[in-house]
Amino acid sequence: MSDAAEFSSKARMKLSGLVNQGTREVSTLIRREIDLAKAELTGSAKQAAKGAGLAGGAAAAGAMGVLFGSVAVWQALGKRMGGGPAAALVATAYTGAAIALASRARTEFERVQGAPRTIATLEELTPGD
């Protein structure tokens, strides 16, 4: 075998090794990015679930509180101030509780971030406009 052929053969082997190494590194990078995306989305999903639970709690508290609590308090207050004003007072109190819970749920929903690091990485990988 001539020196040129031997050199060409060694160069091809070295190039092949570099391509294999690059492929492994890209594969590892992609796996890590997928794991990061999973972690971010899991955290965001938990935050959204917390907000949804609070919103559900606000709805249930508002409905059940207004229905059952207002009847009991309305009757008790009705003996002192009359039925109409007592009903208005009770309804206002329970509506205030529902508003407070809904406000807290909204705050939790606003804190949901999605996957900002994954989005940033994808934006870096995609060519600009």
Protein backbone atom coordinates (compact mmCIF):
# COMPACT_ATOMS: atom_id res chain seq x y z
CA MET A 1 0.00 0.00 0.00
CA SER A 2 1.37 3.44 -0.87
CA ASP A 3 1.90 6.20 1.65
CA ALA A 4 -0.91 8.27 0.12
CA ALA A 5 -3.41 5.37 0.35
CA GLU A 6 -2.38 4.63 3.94
CA PHE A 7 -2.75 8.32 4.86
CA SER A 8 -6.18 8.44 3.19
CA SER A 9 -7.29 5.32 5.07
CA LYS A 10 -6.15 6.76 8.42
CA ALA A 11 -7.85 10.08 7.66
CA ARG A 12 -11.15 8.29 6.90
CA MET A 13 -10.90 6.33 10.15
CA LYS A 14 -10.18 9.48 12.12
CA LEU A 15 -13.06 11.33 10.41
CA SER A 16 -15.37 8.39 11.12
CA GLY A 17 -14.40 8.48 14.80
CA LEU A 18 -15.06 12.22 14.98
CA VAL A 19 -18.48 11.81 13.35
CA ASN A 20 -19.36 9.02 15.79
CA GLN A 21 -18.28 11.12 18.77
CA GLY A 22 -20.23 14.12 17.49
CA THR A 23 -23.33 11.98 17.01
CA ARG A 24 -23.07 10.66 20.58
CA GLU A 25 -22.64 14.17 21.98
CA VAL A 26 -25.62 15.53 20.03
CA SER A 27 -27.69 12.57 21.17
CA THR A 28 -26.72 13.21 24.80
CA LEU A 29 -27.53 16.91 24.45
CA ILE A 30 -30.95 16.14 23.00
CA ARG A 31 -31.71 13.67 25.82
CA ARG A 32 -30.73 16.27 28.41
CA GLU A 33 -32.90 18.94 26.77
CA ILE A 34 -35.85 16.53 26.74
CA ASP A 35 -35.31 15.78 30.43
CA LEU A 36 -35.17 19.51 31.17
CA ALA A 37 -38.39 20.10 29.23
CA LYS A 38 -40.10 17.28 31.15
CA ALA A 39 -39.02 18.76 34.48
CA GLU A 40 -40.15 22.26 33.56
CA LEU A 41 -43.50 21.12 32.22
CA THR A 42 -44.10 18.93 35.28
CA GLY A 43 -43.51 21.92 37.55
CA SER A 44 -45.81 24.11 35.47
CA ALA A 45 -48.50 21.44 35.43
CA LYS A 46 -48.35 21.18 39.22
CA GLN A 47 -48.67 24.95 39.52
CA ALA A 48 -51.64 24.96 37.14
CA ALA A 49 -53.27 22.12 39.07
CA LYS A 50 -52.88 24.08 42.28
CA GLY A 51 -54.58 27.08 40.68
CA ALA A 52 -57.35 24.89 39.29
CA GLY A 53 -57.90 23.34 42.71
CA LEU A 54 -58.15 26.77 44.29
CA ALA A 55 -60.60 27.88 41.60
CA GLY A 56 -62.69 24.77 42.23
CA GLY A 57 -62.54 25.46 45.95
CA ALA A 58 -63.68 29.03 45.33
CA ALA A 59 -66.65 27.82 43.33
CA ALA A 60 -67.61 25.17 45.87
CA ALA A 61 -67.15 27.49 48.83
CA GLY A 62 -69.11 30.22 47.13
CA ALA A 63 -72.02 27.98 46.16
CA MET A 64 -72.29 25.90 49.31
CA GLY A 65 -71.53 28.75 51.65
CA VAL A 66 -74.14 30.99 50.08
CA LEU A 67 -76.72 28.24 50.03
CA PHE A 68 -76.42 26.71 53.50
CA GLY A 69 -74.66 29.31 55.58
CA SER A 70 -76.78 32.15 54.37
CA VAL A 71 -79.99 30.42 55.33
CA ALA A 72 -78.84 29.85 58.90
CA VAL A 73 -77.35 33.30 59.41
CA TRP A 74 -80.21 34.95 57.55
CA GLN A 75 -82.72 33.48 59.93
CA ALA A 76 -80.70 34.47 62.98
CA LEU A 77 -80.15 38.04 61.77
CA GLY A 78 -83.68 38.26 60.44
CA LYS A 79 -85.00 38.18 63.98
CA ARG A 80 -83.03 41.36 64.81
CA MET A 81 -83.03 43.43 61.62
CA GLY A 82 -85.67 41.96 59.35
CA GLY A 83 -85.45 39.40 56.57
CA GLY A 84 -84.36 41.64 53.67
CA PRO A 85 -81.35 43.39 55.22
CA ALA A 86 -80.22 40.14 56.86
CA ALA A 87 -80.27 38.32 53.52
CA ALA A 88 -78.25 41.10 51.86
CA LEU A 89 -75.63 41.03 54.62
CA VAL A 90 -75.22 37.26 54.47
CA ALA A 91 -74.99 37.21 50.67
CA THR A 92 -72.33 39.94 50.74
CA ALA A 93 -70.20 38.05 53.26
CA TYR A 94 -70.19 34.81 51.30
CA THR A 95 -69.61 36.56 48.02
CA GLY A 96 -66.58 38.25 49.57
CA ALA A 97 -65.16 34.86 50.53
CA ALA A 98 -65.68 33.57 46.99
CA ILE A 99 -63.96 36.65 45.55
CA ALA A 100 -60.97 36.20 47.86
CA LEU A 101 -60.55 32.56 46.80
CA ALA A 102 -60.96 33.41 43.12
CA SER A 103 -58.35 36.16 43.47
CA ARG A 104 -55.90 33.71 45.00
CA ALA A 105 -56.59 31.22 42.20
CA ARG A 106 -55.92 33.92 39.61
CA THR A 107 -52.59 34.71 41.28
CA GLU A 108 -51.60 31.04 41.10
CA PHE A 109 -52.54 30.86 37.41
CA GLU A 110 -50.45 33.96 36.67
CA ARG A 111 -47.42 32.29 38.28
CA VAL A 112 -47.52 29.41 35.78
CA GLN A 113 -44.49 29.87 33.55
CA GLY A 114 -44.62 26.95 31.16
CA ALA A 115 -41.14 25.91 30.07
CA PRO A 116 -39.13 29.13 29.72
CA ARG A 117 -35.69 27.50 29.67
CA THR A 118 -36.77 25.00 27.03
CA ILE A 119 -38.28 27.77 24.91
CA ALA A 120 -35.10 29.82 25.23
CA THR A 121 -33.00 26.84 24.17
CA LEU A 122 -35.24 26.15 21.18
CA GLU A 123 -35.04 29.79 20.16
CA GLU A 124 -31.24 29.57 20.28
CA LEU A 125 -31.29 26.47 18.08
CA THR A 126 -33.66 27.88 15.47
CA PRO A 127 -32.28 30.26 12.90
CA GLY A 128 -33.41 33.88 13.30
CA ASP A 129 -35.88 35.55 10.94
